[in-house]
């Protein structure tokens, strides 16, 4: 800590730094903590739910579930 002291604003600065690097590509946040960063900065952001993705995934011979959110149809 002595070599790299942190200001009282460090927590907000580090969250903002993460956000600055990912705001333009929210789809890459799926399944990791970056989704929490975007949700913190953009109150309307809705994280994808991993369990819903699995349940809505296409299985061999099947079709995508309505509204599964995967971006594929049929």
PDB file of N, CA and C in Angstrom:
ATOM      1  N   UNK A   1       0.819  -1.193   0.000  1.00  0.00           N
ATOM      2  CA  UNK A   1       0.000   0.000   0.000  1.00  0.00           C
ATOM      3  C   UNK A   1       0.865   1.260   0.000  1.00  0.00           C
ATOM      4  N   UNK A   2       2.004   1.212   0.631  1.00  0.00           N
ATOM      5  CA  UNK A   2       2.855   2.403   0.677  1.00  0.00           C
ATOM      6  C   UNK A   2       3.363   2.773  -0.715  1.00  0.00           C
ATOM      7  N   UNK A   3       3.674   1.778  -1.514  1.00  0.00           N
ATOM      8  CA  UNK A   3       4.182   2.036  -2.858  1.00  0.00           C
ATOM      9  C   UNK A   3       3.098   2.562  -3.786  1.00  0.00           C
ATOM     10  N   UNK A   4       1.872   2.116  -3.581  1.00  0.00           N
ATOM     11  CA  UNK A   4       0.746   2.528  -4.433  1.00  0.00           C
ATOM     12  C   UNK A   4      -0.427   2.950  -3.557  1.00  0.00           C
ATOM     13  N   UNK A   5      -0.312   4.087  -2.921  1.00  0.00           N
ATOM     14  CA  UNK A   5      -1.404   4.522  -2.033  1.00  0.00           C
ATOM     15  C   UNK A   5      -2.687   4.771  -2.821  1.00  0.00           C
ATOM     16  N   UNK A   6      -3.787   4.525  -2.174  1.00  0.00           N
ATOM     17  CA  UNK A   6      -5.088   4.704  -2.815  1.00  0.00           C
ATOM     18  C   UNK A   6      -5.817   5.872  -2.182  1.00  0.00           C
ATOM     19  N   UNK A   7      -6.364   6.690  -3.039  1.00  0.00           N
ATOM     20  CA  UNK A   7      -7.130   7.837  -2.564  1.00  0.00           C
ATOM     21  C   UNK A   7      -8.504   7.356  -2.118  1.00  0.00           C
ATOM     22  N   UNK A   8      -9.222   8.204  -1.401  1.00  0.00           N
ATOM     23  CA  UNK A   8     -10.579   7.821  -1.008  1.00  0.00           C
ATOM     24  C   UNK A   8     -11.496   7.539  -2.210  1.00  0.00           C
ATOM     25  N   UNK A   9     -11.167   8.116  -3.364  1.00  0.00           N
ATOM     26  CA  UNK A   9     -11.994   7.935  -4.562  1.00  0.00           C
ATOM     27  C   UNK A   9     -11.614   6.698  -5.369  1.00  0.00           C
ATOM     28  N   UNK A  10     -10.615   5.945  -4.926  1.00  0.00           N
ATOM     29  CA  UNK A  10     -10.097   4.826  -5.712  1.00  0.00           C
ATOM     30  C   UNK A  10     -11.188   3.854  -6.146  1.00  0.00           C
ATOM     31  N   UNK A  11     -12.078   3.498  -5.250  1.00  0.00           N
ATOM     32  CA  UNK A  11     -13.114   2.512  -5.585  1.00  0.00           C
ATOM     33  C   UNK A  11     -13.966   2.986  -6.762  1.00  0.00           C
ATOM     34  N   UNK A  12     -14.386   4.241  -6.714  1.00  0.00           N
ATOM     35  CA  UNK A  12     -15.176   4.771  -7.829  1.00  0.00           C
ATOM     36  C   UNK A  12     -14.347   4.867  -9.101  1.00  0.00           C
ATOM     37  N   UNK A  13     -13.083   5.231  -8.963  1.00  0.00           N
ATOM     38  CA  UNK A  13     -12.207   5.349 -10.132  1.00  0.00           C
ATOM     39  C   UNK A  13     -11.992   3.999 -10.812  1.00  0.00           C
ATOM     40  N   UNK A  14     -11.792   2.952 -10.030  1.00  0.00           N
ATOM     41  CA  UNK A  14     -11.521   1.650 -10.639  1.00  0.00           C
ATOM     42  C   UNK A  14     -12.772   1.107 -11.323  1.00  0.00           C
ATOM     43  N   UNK A  15     -13.940   1.319 -10.730  1.00  0.00           N
ATOM     44  CA  UNK A  15     -15.184   0.892 -11.380  1.00  0.00           C
ATOM     45  C   UNK A  15     -15.383   1.662 -12.678  1.00  0.00           C
ATOM     46  N   UNK A  16     -15.112   2.959 -12.658  1.00  0.00           N
ATOM     47  CA  UNK A  16     -15.240   3.765 -13.874  1.00  0.00           C
ATOM     48  C   UNK A  16     -14.239   3.309 -14.937  1.00  0.00           C
ATOM     49  N   UNK A  17     -13.034   2.962 -14.532  1.00  0.00           N
ATOM     50  CA  UNK A  17     -12.020   2.490 -15.484  1.00  0.00           C
ATOM     51  C   UNK A  17     -12.484   1.196 -16.155  1.00  0.00           C
ATOM     52  N   UNK A  18     -13.042   0.273 -15.383  1.00  0.00           N
ATOM     53  CA  UNK A  18     -13.586  -0.951 -15.975  1.00  0.00           C
ATOM     54  C   UNK A  18     -14.696  -0.609 -16.966  1.00  0.00           C
ATOM     55  N   UNK A  19     -15.592   0.259 -16.550  1.00  0.00           N
ATOM     56  CA  UNK A  19     -16.713   0.648 -17.404  1.00  0.00           C
ATOM     57  C   UNK A  19     -16.232   1.279 -18.703  1.00  0.00           C
ATOM     58  N   UNK A  20     -15.234   2.149 -18.613  1.00  0.00           N
ATOM     59  CA  UNK A  20     -14.708   2.804 -19.809  1.00  0.00           C
ATOM     60  C   UNK A  20     -14.198   1.787 -20.829  1.00  0.00           C
ATOM     61  N   UNK A  21     -13.729   0.672 -20.350  1.00  0.00           N
ATOM     62  CA  UNK A  21     -13.207  -0.349 -21.243  1.00  0.00           C
ATOM     63  C   UNK A  21     -14.241  -1.295 -21.823  1.00  0.00           C
ATOM     64  N   UNK A  22     -15.466  -1.290 -21.271  1.00  0.00           N
ATOM     65  CA  UNK A  22     -16.452  -2.292 -21.712  1.00  0.00           C
ATOM     66  C   UNK A  22     -17.809  -1.739 -22.114  1.00  0.00           C
ATOM     67  N   UNK A  23     -18.066  -0.454 -21.889  1.00  0.00           N
ATOM     68  CA  UNK A  23     -19.420   0.081 -22.123  1.00  0.00           C
ATOM     69  C   UNK A  23     -19.890  -0.164 -23.545  1.00  0.00           C
ATOM     70  N   UNK A  24     -18.994  -0.158 -24.490  1.00  0.00           N
ATOM     71  CA  UNK A  24     -19.357  -0.275 -25.903  1.00  0.00           C
ATOM     72  C   UNK A  24     -19.525  -1.726 -26.360  1.00  0.00           C
ATOM     73  N   UNK A  25     -19.279  -2.682 -25.487  1.00  0.00           N
ATOM     74  CA  UNK A  25     -19.420  -4.084 -25.857  1.00  0.00           C
ATOM     75  C   UNK A  25     -20.048  -4.892 -24.715  1.00  0.00           C
ATOM     76  N   UNK A  26     -21.268  -4.531 -24.315  1.00  0.00           N
ATOM     77  CA  UNK A  26     -21.892  -5.186 -23.164  1.00  0.00           C
ATOM     78  C   UNK A  26     -22.093  -6.682 -23.335  1.00  0.00           C
ATOM     79  N   UNK A  27     -22.194  -7.163 -24.589  1.00  0.00           N
ATOM     80  CA  UNK A  27     -22.400  -8.591 -24.803  1.00  0.00           C
ATOM     81  C   UNK A  27     -21.212  -9.419 -24.320  1.00  0.00           C
ATOM     82  N   UNK A  28     -20.030  -8.803 -24.189  1.00  0.00           N
ATOM     83  CA  UNK A  28     -18.855  -9.541 -23.726  1.00  0.00           C
ATOM     84  C   UNK A  28     -18.828  -9.711 -22.218  1.00  0.00           C
ATOM     85  N   UNK A  29     -19.777  -9.119 -21.530  1.00  0.00           N
ATOM     86  CA  UNK A  29     -19.785  -9.192 -20.066  1.00  0.00           C
ATOM     87  C   UNK A  29     -20.500 -10.420 -19.545  1.00  0.00           C
ATOM     88  N   UNK A  30     -21.137 -11.165 -20.423  1.00  0.00           N
ATOM     89  CA  UNK A  30     -21.914 -12.325 -19.992  1.00  0.00           C
ATOM     90  C   UNK A  30     -21.035 -13.327 -19.258  1.00  0.00           C
ATOM     91  N   UNK A  31     -21.473 -13.716 -18.077  1.00  0.00           N
ATOM     92  CA  UNK A  31     -20.788 -14.746 -17.309  1.00  0.00           C
ATOM     93  C   UNK A  31     -19.583 -14.265 -16.522  1.00  0.00           C
ATOM     94  N   UNK A  32     -19.419 -12.965 -16.359  1.00  0.00           N
ATOM     95  CA  UNK A  32     -18.293 -12.492 -15.561  1.00  0.00           C
ATOM     96  C   UNK A  32     -18.682 -11.233 -14.793  1.00  0.00           C
ATOM     97  N   UNK A  33     -17.788 -10.764 -13.979  1.00  0.00           N
ATOM     98  CA  UNK A  33     -18.102  -9.630 -13.102  1.00  0.00           C
ATOM     99  C   UNK A  33     -18.301  -8.323 -13.842  1.00  0.00           C
ATOM    100  N   UNK A  34     -17.885  -8.253 -15.097  1.00  0.00           N
ATOM    101  CA  UNK A  34     -18.044  -6.999 -15.842  1.00  0.00           C
ATOM    102  C   UNK A  34     -19.513  -6.642 -16.028  1.00  0.00           C
ATOM    103  N   UNK A  35     -20.384  -7.644 -16.040  1.00  0.00           N
ATOM    104  CA  UNK A  35     -21.817  -7.357 -16.127  1.00  0.00           C
ATOM    105  C   UNK A  35     -22.265  -6.541 -14.915  1.00  0.00           C
ATOM    106  N   UNK A  36     -21.687  -6.819 -13.757  1.00  0.00           N
ATOM    107  CA  UNK A  36     -22.019  -6.044 -12.562  1.00  0.00           C
ATOM    108  C   UNK A  36     -21.574  -4.596 -12.712  1.00  0.00           C
ATOM    109  N   UNK A  37     -20.436  -4.371 -13.374  1.00  0.00           N
ATOM    110  CA  UNK A  37     -19.937  -3.010 -13.578  1.00  0.00           C
ATOM    111  C   UNK A  37     -20.895  -2.232 -14.465  1.00  0.00           C
ATOM    112  N   UNK A  38     -21.306  -2.835 -15.583  1.00  0.00           N
ATOM    113  CA  UNK A  38     -22.237  -2.128 -16.475  1.00  0.00           C
ATOM    114  C   UNK A  38     -23.573  -1.913 -15.770  1.00  0.00           C
ATOM    115  N   UNK A  39     -24.049  -2.892 -15.019  1.00  0.00           N
ATOM    116  CA  UNK A  39     -25.315  -2.727 -14.295  1.00  0.00           C
ATOM    117  C   UNK A  39     -25.225  -1.576 -13.296  1.00  0.00           C
ATOM    118  N   UNK A  40     -24.064  -1.390 -12.701  1.00  0.00           N
ATOM    119  CA  UNK A  40     -23.874  -0.297 -11.756  1.00  0.00           C
ATOM    120  C   UNK A  40     -23.928   1.054 -12.454  1.00  0.00           C
ATOM    121  N   UNK A  41     -23.361   1.137 -13.656  1.00  0.00           N
ATOM    122  CA  UNK A  41     -23.279   2.402 -14.379  1.00  0.00           C
ATOM    123  C   UNK A  41     -24.501   2.688 -15.241  1.00  0.00           C
ATOM    124  N   UNK A  42     -25.190   1.654 -15.664  1.00  0.00           N
ATOM    125  CA  UNK A  42     -26.364   1.804 -16.526  1.00  0.00           C
ATOM    126  C   UNK A  42     -27.549   1.098 -15.873  1.00  0.00           C
ATOM    127  N   UNK A  43     -28.327   1.824 -15.101  1.00  0.00           N
ATOM    128  CA  UNK A  43     -29.423   1.212 -14.354  1.00  0.00           C
ATOM    129  C   UNK A  43     -30.396   0.395 -15.199  1.00  0.00           C
ATOM    130  N   UNK A  44     -30.546   0.702 -16.478  1.00  0.00           N
ATOM    131  CA  UNK A  44     -31.464  -0.049 -17.329  1.00  0.00           C
ATOM    132  C   UNK A  44     -30.876  -1.320 -17.916  1.00  0.00           C
ATOM    133  N   UNK A  45     -29.581  -1.560 -17.693  1.00  0.00           N
ATOM    134  CA  UNK A  45     -28.930  -2.743 -18.249  1.00  0.00           C
ATOM    135  C   UNK A  45     -29.477  -4.006 -17.597  1.00  0.00           C
ATOM    136  N   UNK A  46     -29.767  -4.990 -18.424  1.00  0.00           N
ATOM    137  CA  UNK A  46     -30.263  -6.266 -17.897  1.00  0.00           C
ATOM    138  C   UNK A  46     -29.251  -7.351 -18.213  1.00  0.00           C
ATOM    139  N   UNK A  47     -28.729  -7.953 -17.168  1.00  0.00           N
ATOM    140  CA  UNK A  47     -27.767  -9.033 -17.343  1.00  0.00           C
ATOM    141  C   UNK A  47     -28.475 -10.257 -17.898  1.00  0.00           C
ATOM    142  N   UNK A  48     -27.775 -10.983 -18.756  1.00  0.00           N
ATOM    143  CA  UNK A  48     -28.307 -12.253 -19.237  1.00  0.00           C
ATOM    144  C   UNK A  48     -28.157 -13.272 -18.116  1.00  0.00           C
ATOM    145  N   UNK A  49     -29.085 -14.170 -18.040  1.00  0.00           N
ATOM    146  CA  UNK A  49     -29.072 -15.183 -17.005  1.00  0.00           C
ATOM    147  C   UNK A  49     -28.538 -16.489 -17.587  1.00  0.00           C
ATOM    148  N   UNK A  50     -27.432 -16.961 -17.058  1.00  0.00           N
ATOM    149  CA  UNK A  50     -26.778 -18.159 -17.565  1.00  0.00           C
ATOM    150  C   UNK A  50     -27.712 -19.364 -17.566  1.00  0.00           C
ATOM    151  N   UNK A  51     -28.468 -19.548 -16.499  1.00  0.00           N
ATOM    152  CA  UNK A  51     -29.382 -20.693 -16.415  1.00  0.00           C
ATOM    153  C   UNK A  51     -30.479 -20.600 -17.476  1.00  0.00           C
ATOM    154  N   UNK A  52     -30.985 -19.396 -17.727  1.00  0.00           N
ATOM    155  CA  UNK A  52     -31.987 -19.235 -18.785  1.00  0.00           C
ATOM    156  C   UNK A  52     -31.401 -19.535 -20.153  1.00  0.00           C
ATOM    157  N   UNK A  53     -30.145 -19.142 -20.359  1.00  0.00           N
ATOM    158  CA  UNK A  53     -29.501 -19.434 -21.637  1.00  0.00           C
ATOM    159  C   UNK A  53     -29.402 -20.951 -21.834  1.00  0.00           C
ATOM    160  N   UNK A  54     -28.995 -21.653 -20.805  1.00  0.00           N
ATOM    161  CA  UNK A  54     -28.903 -23.118 -20.914  1.00  0.00           C
ATOM    162  C   UNK A  54     -30.278 -23.714 -21.188  1.00  0.00           C
ATOM    163  N   UNK A  55     -31.253 -23.301 -20.401  1.00  0.00           N
ATOM    164  CA  UNK A  55     -32.600 -23.866 -20.574  1.00  0.00           C
ATOM    165  C   UNK A  55     -33.201 -23.515 -21.929  1.00  0.00           C
ATOM    166  N   UNK A  56     -32.826 -22.378 -22.496  1.00  0.00           N
ATOM    167  CA  UNK A  56     -33.368 -21.958 -23.773  1.00  0.00           C
ATOM    168  C   UNK A  56     -32.518 -22.358 -24.965  1.00  0.00           C
ATOM    169  N   UNK A  57     -31.416 -23.066 -24.704  1.00  0.00           N
ATOM    170  CA  UNK A  57     -30.511 -23.435 -25.793  1.00  0.00           C
ATOM    171  C   UNK A  57     -31.086 -24.530 -26.665  1.00  0.00           C
ATOM    172  N   UNK A  58     -30.626 -24.505 -27.902  1.00  0.00           N
ATOM    173  CA  UNK A  58     -31.032 -25.520 -28.862  1.00  0.00           C
ATOM    174  C   UNK A  58     -30.267 -26.812 -28.588  1.00  0.00           C
ATOM    175  N   UNK A  59     -30.961 -27.883 -28.543  1.00  0.00           N
ATOM    176  CA  UNK A  59     -30.338 -29.190 -28.380  1.00  0.00           C
ATOM    177  C   UNK A  59     -30.438 -29.901 -29.727  1.00  0.00           C
ATOM    178  N   UNK A  60     -29.646 -30.904 -29.923  1.00  0.00           N
ATOM    179  CA  UNK A  60     -29.638 -31.634 -31.191  1.00  0.00           C
ATOM    180  C   UNK A  60     -31.065 -31.988 -31.586  1.00  0.00           C
ATOM    181  N   UNK A  61     -31.439 -31.568 -32.811  1.00  0.00           N
ATOM    182  CA  UNK A  61     -32.776 -31.865 -33.303  1.00  0.00           C
ATOM    183  C   UNK A  61     -33.854 -30.929 -32.794  1.00  0.00           C
ATOM    184  N   UNK A  62     -33.507 -29.987 -31.959  1.00  0.00           N
ATOM    185  CA  UNK A  62     -34.519 -29.110 -31.393  1.00  0.00           C
ATOM    186  C   UNK A  62     -34.419 -27.701 -31.937  1.00  0.00           C
ATOM    187  N   UNK A  63     -35.277 -26.849 -31.464  1.00  0.00           N
ATOM    188  CA  UNK A  63     -35.301 -25.453 -31.882  1.00  0.00           C
ATOM    189  C   UNK A  63     -35.042 -24.575 -30.664  1.00  0.00           C
ATOM    190  N   UNK A  64     -34.717 -23.343 -30.923  1.00  0.00           N
ATOM    191  CA  UNK A  64     -34.507 -22.400 -29.838  1.00  0.00           C
ATOM    192  C   UNK A  64     -35.835 -22.090 -29.167  1.00  0.00           C
ATOM    193  N   UNK A  65     -35.778 -21.914 -27.886  1.00  0.00           N
ATOM    194  CA  UNK A  65     -36.962 -21.527 -27.152  1.00  0.00           C
ATOM    195  C   UNK A  65     -37.294 -20.083 -27.473  1.00  0.00           C
ATOM    196  N   UNK A  66     -38.573 -19.771 -27.490  1.00  0.00           N
ATOM    197  CA  UNK A  66     -38.998 -18.389 -27.751  1.00  0.00           C
ATOM    198  C   UNK A  66     -38.380 -17.475 -26.709  1.00  0.00           C
ATOM    199  N   UNK A  67     -37.768 -16.405 -27.182  1.00  0.00           N
ATOM    200  CA  UNK A  67     -37.188 -15.423 -26.272  1.00  0.00           C
ATOM    201  C   UNK A  67     -35.940 -15.875 -25.541  1.00  0.00           C
ATOM    202  N   UNK A  68     -35.232 -16.888 -26.074  1.00  0.00           N
ATOM    203  CA  UNK A  68     -34.052 -17.385 -25.367  1.00  0.00           C
ATOM    204  C   UNK A  68     -32.927 -16.358 -25.345  1.00  0.00           C
ATOM    205  N   UNK A  69     -32.960 -15.394 -26.262  1.00  0.00           N
ATOM    206  CA  UNK A  69     -31.973 -14.333 -26.256  1.00  0.00           C
ATOM    207  C   UNK A  69     -30.644 -14.659 -26.896  1.00  0.00           C
ATOM    208  N   UNK A  70     -30.556 -15.780 -27.569  1.00  0.00           N
ATOM    209  CA  UNK A  70     -29.279 -16.172 -28.154  1.00  0.00           C
ATOM    210  C   UNK A  70     -29.003 -15.477 -29.485  1.00  0.00           C
ATOM    211  N   UNK A  71     -30.006 -14.868 -30.092  1.00  0.00           N
ATOM    212  CA  UNK A  71     -29.802 -14.179 -31.346  1.00  0.00           C
ATOM    213  C   UNK A  71     -29.974 -15.061 -32.567  1.00  0.00           C
ATOM    214  N   UNK A  72     -30.276 -16.325 -32.359  1.00  0.00           N
ATOM    215  CA  UNK A  72     -30.481 -17.238 -33.489  1.00  0.00           C
ATOM    216  C   UNK A  72     -31.953 -17.650 -33.530  1.00  0.00           C
ATOM    217  N   UNK A  73     -32.434 -17.895 -34.708  1.00  0.00           N
ATOM    218  CA  UNK A  73     -33.828 -18.327 -34.856  1.00  0.00           C
ATOM    219  C   UNK A  73     -33.855 -19.652 -35.582  1.00  0.00           C
ATOM    220  N   UNK A  74     -34.820 -20.477 -35.213  1.00  0.00           N
ATOM    221  CA  UNK A  74     -35.026 -21.725 -35.922  1.00  0.00           C
ATOM    222  C   UNK A  74     -34.207 -22.870 -35.483  1.00  0.00           C
TER     223      UNK A  74
END
